[in-house]
Amino acid sequence: MTPPRTLTLLGSTGSIGTQAEQIILANPEVFTVRAISAAGSDPQQLARQAFTLGVEQVAVAREDAADAVRAALEDLAGPGGRRPELLVGPEAASEVAGNGADIVLNGITGSIGLRPTLAALAAGSTLALANKESLIVGGSVVTSAAADGQIVPVDSEHSAIAQCLRAGRAQEVRRLVLTASGGPFRGRTRTQLGEVTPEQALKHPNFAMGRVVTTNSATLVNKGLEVIEAHLLFDIPFSDIDVVVHPQQQIHSMVEFHDGSTIAQAGPPRMLVPIALGLSWPDRLADVDEPCDWSTASAWEFHPLDDDAFPAVRLARQVGEAGGIMPAVYNAANEVCVDAFHDGTIGFLDIVDTVQQVVDDFRQRSGGAAGVESDPQGNYSAALSVEDVLAADQQARQQALARCSTLLQIGQTSQEVSHP
């Protein structure tokens, strides 16, 4: 009998992590979990997972959450009971990511997932990657650290492409087609988007996700990031990666081959199958989710992307083609702007507009950030280090914060003028 695969779950209390837990518990003979990590915002959930999954280590990023997590673990262990080792601090996730488990599922949100991604790759683990930002901002730093086949995509679109690519050879691929739901504001004009509220932006039509990812889906920044991710994962030129709006999200993405055939991967608009495949690749687990119901009449729509109302994808292509630090700048500025939008500092349209301004600032500055040289067209060298990427990330955040503060001041001034 094949021994169980050992796993480490990063971001275990988030959407990806909790669904992964569901899959693991349904397949106890297939998986055993060594360690879990989370920011620490839900100590009770994290402690429950630790004992339910029987882990050896628990990693908590937030030092101010350590006491609450420790207390929750002690409460569940009882007097004299065995407790998992608790690791605390910003490097805790990287430490457990490098523990040599067969599979590391990186479900962390944001660029803070970069070091854990690199730690998992360095340890020789298969990286089930839901944290797209670490690949996007890391770029060549991540791809050069990965062995062939070491990264398995967990994003539903990229999992779909990986599945479709089994139907043909690499040299037969004509283009990749990423599907997008269009978010909650599909069909709206740019003018109509000007009045969008944070509450409206968090009402995704199909998926329940965290604040950042849900907002990114509303602005289509998430799809822009996925275009860059597809380029890095599958080594396909940006010119051969398209986006089409598919509101029903039954088809997760497609691959078009040079003979005119298109292979599509279909399934319910849920993440269970992509997560399960990330953990079991290249094998499939049984009965992970319900298949499409072909006995019920339904209609699937496909629409072109409106680049004028949603320019985030077009901008992502530009920064992806520039390479180097530019995807990190795009991602970092966006994360700041999403927070500013939900804090009431800026409006919905200001998110991508501000990202564009920060990107333009970096493109116009000779040498960019952290000493990374650019050519006359503003394209950056691929010879990056982690330090280059993280320095650019911080500089972009500072610029985005400054621009958001300026927008707030302008807005306050306008209100004072309107209401003397």
Protein backbone atom coordinates (compact mmCIF):
# COMPACT_ATOMS: atom_id res chain seq x y z
CA MET A 1 0.00 0.00 0.00
CA THR A 2 1.30 3.47 -0.92
CA PRO A 3 2.11 5.52 2.20
CA PRO A 4 0.12 8.75 2.70
CA ARG A 5 1.46 11.94 1.20
CA THR A 6 2.72 14.36 3.84
CA LEU A 7 1.31 17.89 3.65
CA THR A 8 1.91 21.37 5.00
CA LEU A 9 -0.98 23.84 4.71
CA LEU A 10 -0.16 27.55 4.59
CA GLY A 11 -3.11 29.85 5.16
CA SER A 12 -5.06 27.01 6.73
CA THR A 13 -7.91 29.09 8.18
CA GLY A 14 -8.67 30.88 4.90
CA SER A 15 -11.00 29.79 2.11
CA ILE A 16 -8.42 27.59 0.38
CA GLY A 17 -7.15 26.10 3.64
CA THR A 18 -10.56 25.17 5.02
CA GLN A 19 -11.59 23.51 1.76
CA ALA A 20 -8.29 21.64 1.70
CA GLU A 21 -9.04 20.43 5.23
CA GLN A 22 -12.37 19.09 3.99
CA ILE A 23 -10.64 17.15 1.21
CA ILE A 24 -7.94 15.79 3.53
CA LEU A 25 -10.43 14.58 6.13
CA ALA A 26 -12.39 12.80 3.38
CA ASN A 27 -9.20 10.98 2.29
CA PRO A 28 -7.36 10.02 5.51
CA GLU A 29 -5.58 7.14 3.81
CA VAL A 30 -4.11 9.48 1.17
CA PHE A 31 -2.84 12.42 3.23
CA THR A 32 -1.25 13.21 6.57
CA VAL A 33 -0.66 16.82 7.64
CA ARG A 34 2.62 17.80 9.30
CA ALA A 35 2.06 21.53 9.83
CA ILE A 36 -0.37 24.37 9.35
CA SER A 37 0.11 28.13 9.29
CA ALA A 38 -2.11 31.20 9.48
CA ALA A 39 -1.90 34.88 10.34
CA GLY A 40 -3.55 34.18 13.69
CA SER A 41 -6.76 36.18 13.40
CA ASP A 42 -8.87 33.12 14.27
CA PRO A 43 -7.09 31.33 17.14
CA GLN A 44 -9.96 28.93 17.89
CA GLN A 45 -10.22 27.79 14.28
CA LEU A 46 -6.46 27.33 14.02
CA ALA A 47 -6.32 25.29 17.23
CA ARG A 48 -9.25 23.14 16.15
CA GLN A 49 -7.52 22.41 12.83
CA ALA A 50 -4.30 21.52 14.63
CA PHE A 51 -5.98 18.79 16.66
CA THR A 52 -8.40 17.64 13.96
CA LEU A 53 -5.55 17.15 11.51
CA GLY A 54 -3.05 15.92 14.11
CA VAL A 55 -0.26 18.28 13.10
CA GLU A 56 3.23 18.49 14.60
CA GLN A 57 3.66 22.25 14.14
CA VAL A 58 1.49 25.37 14.06
CA ALA A 59 2.92 28.58 12.61
CA VAL A 60 1.44 32.00 13.43
CA ALA A 61 2.60 35.11 11.58
CA ARG A 62 1.22 37.72 13.97
CA GLU A 63 3.16 37.94 17.21
CA ASP A 64 0.24 39.68 18.91
CA ALA A 65 -1.89 36.57 18.25
CA ALA A 66 0.54 34.09 19.79
CA ASP A 67 -0.90 34.12 23.31
CA ALA A 68 -4.45 33.57 22.09
CA VAL A 69 -3.38 30.68 19.85
CA ARG A 70 -1.29 29.15 22.64
CA ALA A 71 -4.25 29.36 25.02
CA ALA A 72 -6.58 27.78 22.46
CA LEU A 73 -4.13 24.91 21.91
CA GLU A 74 -3.76 24.34 25.66
CA ASP A 75 -7.51 24.37 26.13
CA LEU A 76 -8.03 21.66 23.51
CA ALA A 77 -5.07 19.59 24.71
CA GLY A 78 -6.28 19.55 28.30
CA PRO A 79 -4.09 19.04 31.39
CA GLY A 80 -0.98 17.11 30.44
CA GLY A 81 -2.15 16.64 26.86
CA ARG A 82 0.24 16.73 23.91
CA ARG A 83 0.31 20.02 22.03
CA PRO A 84 1.89 20.78 18.66
CA GLU A 85 4.97 22.99 18.53
CA LEU A 86 4.04 26.65 18.11
CA LEU A 87 6.18 28.87 15.86
CA VAL A 88 5.58 32.61 15.87
CA GLY A 89 6.68 35.54 13.74
CA PRO A 90 6.96 36.67 10.13
CA GLU A 91 9.29 33.79 9.23
CA ALA A 92 7.18 31.07 10.86
CA ALA A 93 5.34 30.16 7.66
CA SER A 94 8.61 29.88 5.76
CA GLU A 95 10.01 27.60 8.46
CA VAL A 96 7.15 25.11 8.21
CA ALA A 97 7.06 25.46 4.42
CA GLY A 98 10.62 24.18 4.36
CA ASN A 99 9.98 21.13 6.55
CA GLY A 100 10.29 18.73 3.62
CA ALA A 101 6.66 17.62 3.34
CA ASP A 102 5.74 15.93 0.08
CA ILE A 103 3.25 18.72 -0.72
CA VAL A 104 3.10 22.31 0.47
CA LEU A 105 -0.20 24.05 -0.25
CA ASN A 106 0.43 27.79 -0.24
CA GLY A 107 -2.96 29.39 0.37
CA ILE A 108 -1.58 32.64 1.81
CA THR A 109 -3.01 35.84 0.30
CA GLY A 110 -0.62 38.47 -1.00
CA SER A 111 3.07 38.89 -1.71
CA ILE A 112 3.98 37.79 1.83
CA GLY A 113 3.68 34.29 0.41
CA LEU A 114 6.92 34.70 -1.57
CA ARG A 115 9.41 33.49 1.03
CA PRO A 116 7.28 30.44 1.99
CA THR A 117 7.02 29.58 -1.72
CA LEU A 118 10.80 29.70 -2.07
CA ALA A 119 11.27 27.70 1.14
CA ALA A 120 9.00 24.93 -0.14
CA LEU A 121 10.82 24.79 -3.48
CA ALA A 122 14.23 24.74 -1.80
CA ALA A 123 13.12 21.81 0.36
CA GLY A 124 12.15 19.83 -2.72
CA SER A 125 8.43 19.76 -1.92
CA THR A 126 5.81 19.86 -4.62
CA LEU A 127 4.27 23.32 -4.36
CA ALA A 128 0.49 23.39 -4.73
CA LEU A 129 0.24 27.10 -5.50
CA ALA A 130 -2.89 29.03 -4.63
CA ASN A 131 -0.83 32.10 -3.65
CA LYS A 132 -0.50 33.46 -7.19
CA GLU A 133 1.12 36.67 -5.93
CA SER A 134 4.32 34.90 -4.89
CA LEU A 135 4.88 33.61 -8.44
CA ILE A 136 3.85 36.88 -10.04
CA VAL A 137 6.00 39.18 -7.91
CA GLY A 138 8.87 36.71 -7.72
CA GLY A 139 8.90 35.99 -11.44
CA SER A 140 12.26 34.54 -12.45
CA VAL A 141 13.29 34.22 -8.79
CA VAL A 142 10.56 31.60 -8.37
CA THR A 143 10.71 29.93 -11.78
CA SER A 144 14.48 29.49 -11.59
CA ALA A 145 14.13 27.91 -8.13
CA ALA A 146 11.56 25.36 -9.30
CA ALA A 147 12.35 22.02 -10.87
CA ASP A 148 10.31 20.88 -13.84
CA GLY A 149 6.81 20.04 -12.65
CA GLN A 150 7.48 21.12 -9.07
CA ILE A 151 4.77 23.81 -9.12
CA VAL A 152 1.18 22.60 -9.46
CA PRO A 153 -1.39 25.40 -9.96
CA VAL A 154 -4.41 25.58 -7.65
CA ASP A 155 -6.13 28.63 -9.15
CA SER A 156 -9.16 27.16 -10.91
CA GLU A 157 -8.20 28.74 -14.25
CA HIS A 158 -4.64 27.45 -14.22
CA SER A 159 -5.65 24.05 -12.89
CA ALA A 160 -8.06 23.90 -15.85
CA ILE A 161 -5.29 24.79 -18.29
CA ALA A 162 -2.97 22.18 -16.78
CA GLN A 163 -5.70 19.59 -17.24
CA CYS A 164 -6.43 20.69 -20.82
CA LEU A 165 -2.74 20.58 -21.73
CA ARG A 166 -2.82 16.83 -21.20
CA ALA A 167 -4.70 16.67 -24.51
CA GLY A 168 -1.76 17.75 -26.66
CA ARG A 169 1.95 18.55 -26.87
CA ALA A 170 3.38 21.95 -25.95
CA GLN A 171 4.32 22.72 -29.55
CA GLU A 172 0.69 22.17 -30.60
CA VAL A 173 -0.73 24.95 -28.38
CA ARG A 174 -1.99 28.02 -30.22
CA ARG A 175 -3.35 30.01 -27.27
CA LEU A 176 -4.66 29.86 -23.73
CA VAL A 177 -8.11 31.26 -22.95
CA LEU A 178 -8.74 32.31 -19.35
CA THR A 179 -12.37 32.69 -18.39
CA ALA A 180 -13.61 35.47 -16.11
CA SER A 181 -16.96 35.82 -14.42
CA GLY A 182 -16.90 39.55 -15.05
CA GLY A 183 -17.42 40.10 -11.33
CA PRO A 184 -20.44 41.83 -9.79
CA PHE A 185 -20.24 44.79 -12.20
CA ARG A 186 -20.18 43.03 -15.56
CA GLY A 187 -21.80 45.21 -18.21
CA ARG A 188 -21.37 48.49 -16.34
CA THR A 189 -19.66 51.43 -18.00
CA ARG A 190 -16.74 53.24 -16.44
CA THR A 191 -19.05 56.10 -15.49
CA GLN A 192 -21.42 53.73 -13.71
CA LEU A 193 -18.51 52.20 -11.77
CA GLY A 194 -17.73 55.56 -10.20
CA GLU A 195 -20.39 55.09 -7.50
CA VAL A 196 -19.49 51.52 -6.47
CA THR A 197 -19.31 50.97 -2.70
CA PRO A 198 -17.08 48.53 -0.79
CA GLU A 199 -20.15 46.50 0.19
CA GLN A 200 -21.14 46.10 -3.46
CA ALA A 201 -17.60 45.15 -4.46
CA LEU A 202 -17.64 42.24 -2.01
CA LYS A 203 -20.71 40.61 -3.56
CA HIS A 204 -19.09 38.22 -6.03
CA PRO A 205 -21.71 36.37 -8.09
CA ASN A 206 -20.21 32.89 -7.70
CA PHE A 207 -17.36 32.58 -5.21
CA ALA A 208 -17.00 33.36 -1.49
CA MET A 209 -13.46 34.69 -1.04
CA GLY A 210 -11.51 37.04 1.18
CA ARG A 211 -11.69 40.82 0.93
CA VAL A 212 -8.62 41.31 -1.27
CA VAL A 213 -9.37 38.55 -3.78
CA THR A 214 -13.07 39.45 -3.98
CA THR A 215 -12.25 43.12 -4.62
CA ASN A 216 -9.64 42.08 -7.18
CA SER A 217 -12.32 40.09 -8.95
CA ALA A 218 -14.57 43.17 -9.03
CA THR A 219 -11.82 45.34 -10.58
CA LEU A 220 -10.54 42.40 -12.68
CA VAL A 221 -7.08 42.91 -11.21
CA ASN A 222 -7.33 39.24 -10.25
CA LYS A 223 -7.68 38.31 -13.92
CA GLY A 224 -4.73 40.51 -14.77
CA LEU A 225 -2.63 38.69 -12.19
CA GLU A 226 -3.81 35.39 -13.65
CA VAL A 227 -2.63 36.39 -17.12
CA ILE A 228 0.87 36.97 -15.71
CA GLU A 229 0.63 33.71 -13.76
CA ALA A 230 -0.35 31.77 -16.89
CA HIS A 231 2.65 33.17 -18.76
CA LEU A 232 5.02 32.14 -15.99
CA LEU A 233 3.51 28.71 -15.36
CA PHE A 234 3.14 27.55 -18.95
CA ASP A 235 5.79 29.63 -20.77
CA ILE A 236 3.24 30.97 -23.26
CA PRO A 237 3.74 34.46 -24.75
CA PHE A 238 1.37 37.16 -23.52
CA SER A 239 0.15 37.62 -27.09
CA ASP A 240 -1.19 34.04 -26.97
CA ILE A 241 -3.10 34.42 -23.68
CA ASP A 242 -6.65 35.73 -23.99
CA VAL A 243 -9.41 36.53 -21.50
CA VAL A 244 -13.10 35.94 -22.17
CA VAL A 245 -16.01 36.78 -19.87
CA HIS A 246 -18.07 33.68 -18.97
CA PRO A 247 -20.61 34.68 -16.29
CA GLN A 248 -21.69 31.14 -15.36
CA GLN A 249 -18.10 30.04 -14.63
CA GLN A 250 -18.85 26.47 -15.59
CA ILE A 251 -15.88 26.43 -17.96
CA HIS A 252 -12.81 27.30 -15.93
CA SER A 253 -10.47 27.89 -18.88
CA MET A 254 -9.57 26.51 -22.30
CA VAL A 255 -6.62 25.60 -24.49
CA GLU A 256 -6.79 26.10 -28.24
CA PHE A 257 -4.51 23.87 -30.33
CA HIS A 258 -3.06 24.69 -33.72
CA ASP A 259 -5.37 22.29 -35.58
CA GLY A 260 -8.38 24.39 -34.51
CA SER A 261 -9.47 22.16 -31.63
CA THR A 262 -10.30 23.75 -28.28
CA ILE A 263 -10.21 21.70 -25.07
CA ALA A 264 -12.23 23.12 -22.17
CA GLN A 265 -12.38 22.02 -18.53
CA ALA A 266 -15.86 22.28 -17.05
CA GLY A 267 -17.21 21.89 -13.55
CA PRO A 268 -19.19 23.72 -10.87
CA PRO A 269 -17.93 27.19 -9.90
CA ARG A 270 -16.19 25.91 -6.79
CA MET A 271 -12.59 25.30 -5.76
CA LEU A 272 -12.76 21.73 -4.45
CA VAL A 273 -11.49 20.01 -7.61
CA PRO A 274 -8.57 22.43 -8.23
CA ILE A 275 -7.48 22.11 -4.59
CA ALA A 276 -7.79 18.33 -4.61
CA LEU A 277 -5.77 18.11 -7.83
CA GLY A 278 -3.12 20.37 -6.33
CA LEU A 279 -2.74 17.91 -3.47
CA SER A 280 -2.94 14.69 -5.49
CA TRP A 281 -1.44 15.67 -8.88
CA PRO A 282 -1.17 13.97 -11.31
CA ASP A 283 -3.75 11.61 -9.82
CA ARG A 284 -7.42 12.36 -9.26
CA LEU A 285 -9.33 11.71 -6.05
CA ALA A 286 -12.79 10.19 -6.28
CA ASP A 287 -16.02 12.08 -5.59
CA VAL A 288 -14.45 15.45 -4.79
CA ASP A 289 -17.38 17.47 -6.15
CA GLU A 290 -20.57 17.09 -8.14
CA PRO A 291 -20.10 17.14 -11.93
CA CYS A 292 -22.08 19.35 -14.29
CA ASP A 293 -25.72 18.32 -14.56
CA TRP A 294 -26.16 17.62 -18.26
CA SER A 295 -29.80 16.58 -17.77
CA THR A 296 -30.89 20.14 -16.98
CA ALA A 297 -31.29 22.75 -19.72
CA SER A 298 -28.85 25.61 -19.32
CA ALA A 299 -27.15 28.31 -21.36
CA TRP A 300 -23.50 29.32 -21.16
CA GLU A 301 -22.54 32.81 -22.32
CA PHE A 302 -19.24 34.24 -23.52
CA HIS A 303 -18.51 37.95 -23.92
CA PRO A 304 -15.44 40.02 -24.85
CA LEU A 305 -13.68 41.84 -22.04
CA ASP A 306 -14.44 45.58 -21.80
CA ASP A 307 -10.94 47.04 -21.46
CA ASP A 308 -12.24 50.60 -21.17
CA ALA A 309 -14.36 49.90 -18.08
CA PHE A 310 -11.89 47.36 -16.67
CA PRO A 311 -8.34 48.35 -17.71
CA ALA A 312 -6.63 46.15 -15.09
CA VAL A 313 -5.99 43.26 -17.49
CA ARG A 314 -4.47 45.49 -20.14
CA LEU A 315 -2.20 47.05 -17.51
CA ALA A 316 -1.20 43.61 -16.23
CA ARG A 317 -0.12 42.61 -19.72
CA GLN A 318 2.09 45.69 -19.89
CA VAL A 319 3.80 45.03 -16.57
CA GLY A 320 4.08 41.32 -17.37
CA GLU A 321 5.81 42.04 -20.65
CA ALA A 322 8.12 44.55 -18.93
CA GLY A 323 8.98 41.84 -16.41
CA GLY A 324 11.50 42.24 -13.63
CA ILE A 325 10.14 44.19 -10.67
CA MET A 326 7.11 45.55 -12.52
CA PRO A 327 4.63 42.79 -11.60
CA ALA A 328 5.65 43.27 -7.97
CA VAL A 329 4.96 47.01 -8.30
CA TYR A 330 1.52 46.32 -9.82
CA ASN A 331 0.58 43.84 -7.09
CA ALA A 332 1.90 45.90 -4.17
CA ALA A 333 0.21 49.12 -5.29
CA ASN A 334 -3.05 47.24 -5.76
CA GLU A 335 -2.97 45.70 -2.27
CA VAL A 336 -2.55 49.17 -0.77
CA CYS A 337 -5.33 50.61 -2.92
CA VAL A 338 -7.76 47.81 -2.02
CA ASP A 339 -7.25 48.60 1.67
CA ALA A 340 -7.66 52.33 0.99
CA PHE A 341 -10.90 51.69 -0.90
CA HIS A 342 -12.38 49.69 1.96
CA ASP A 343 -11.19 52.31 4.45
CA GLY A 344 -13.09 54.96 2.51
CA THR A 345 -9.94 56.82 1.44
CA ILE A 346 -10.39 56.35 -2.33
CA GLY A 347 -13.14 55.39 -4.75
CA PHE A 348 -13.54 52.19 -6.75
CA LEU A 349 -12.13 53.61 -9.98
CA ASP A 350 -9.20 55.09 -8.06
CA ILE A 351 -7.89 51.57 -7.34
CA VAL A 352 -6.67 50.72 -10.85
CA ASP A 353 -6.05 54.37 -11.76
CA THR A 354 -3.65 54.69 -8.83
CA VAL A 355 -1.96 51.40 -9.67
CA GLN A 356 -1.46 52.73 -13.21
CA GLN A 357 0.12 55.92 -11.85
CA VAL A 358 2.51 54.03 -9.59
CA VAL A 359 3.48 51.71 -12.44
CA ASP A 360 4.08 54.71 -14.71
CA ASP A 361 6.26 56.33 -12.06
CA PHE A 362 8.47 53.24 -11.92
CA ARG A 363 8.61 52.91 -15.70
CA GLN A 364 9.72 56.53 -16.07
CA ARG A 365 12.50 56.34 -13.53
CA SER A 366 15.75 55.22 -15.08
CA GLY A 367 16.91 52.08 -13.32
CA GLY A 368 13.58 51.50 -11.58
CA ALA A 369 13.87 50.30 -8.00
CA ALA A 370 16.54 48.49 -6.05
CA GLY A 371 19.14 49.11 -8.74
CA VAL A 372 17.42 46.92 -11.33
CA GLU A 373 18.32 48.27 -14.74
CA SER A 374 15.75 49.00 -17.45
CA ASP A 375 16.21 49.33 -21.20
CA PRO A 376 15.04 52.42 -23.15
CA GLN A 377 11.54 50.90 -23.44
CA GLY A 378 11.29 50.52 -19.68
CA ASN A 379 11.63 46.72 -19.67
CA TYR A 380 13.48 45.37 -16.66
CA SER A 381 16.20 42.80 -16.44
CA ALA A 382 15.10 39.31 -15.37
CA ALA A 383 18.21 38.97 -13.17
CA LEU A 384 16.38 39.56 -9.92
CA SER A 385 16.95 38.69 -6.30
CA VAL A 386 14.42 38.35 -3.51
CA GLU A 387 15.79 41.59 -2.07
CA ASP A 388 15.15 43.42 -5.38
CA VAL A 389 11.56 42.23 -5.43
CA LEU A 390 10.84 43.06 -1.80
CA ALA A 391 12.47 46.49 -2.09
CA ALA A 392 10.33 47.30 -5.13
CA ASP A 393 7.29 46.01 -3.25
CA GLN A 394 7.91 48.38 -0.35
CA GLN A 395 8.64 51.37 -2.58
CA ALA A 396 5.47 50.77 -4.56
CA ARG A 397 3.44 50.54 -1.35
CA GLN A 398 4.85 53.85 -0.13
CA GLN A 399 4.06 55.57 -3.43
CA ALA A 400 0.55 54.11 -3.48
CA LEU A 401 -0.06 55.25 0.10
CA ALA A 402 1.10 58.75 -0.77
CA ARG A 403 -1.18 58.93 -3.81
CA CYS A 404 -4.14 57.61 -1.83
CA SER A 405 -3.55 60.25 0.84
CA THR A 406 -3.48 62.93 -1.85
CA LEU A 407 -6.78 61.67 -3.28
CA LEU A 408 -8.33 61.81 0.20
CA GLN A 409 -7.18 65.40 0.68
CA ILE A 410 -8.54 66.37 -2.74
CA GLY A 411 -11.85 64.74 -1.88
CA GLN A 412 -12.07 66.55 1.45
CA THR A 413 -11.24 69.86 -0.20
CA SER A 414 -13.91 69.30 -2.84
CA GLN A 415 -16.49 68.61 -0.13
CA GLU A 416 -15.54 71.80 1.70
CA VAL A 417 -15.92 73.78 -1.51
CA SER A 418 -19.27 72.15 -2.25
CA HIS A 419 -20.55 72.72 1.31
CA PRO A 420 -19.01 76.00 2.57
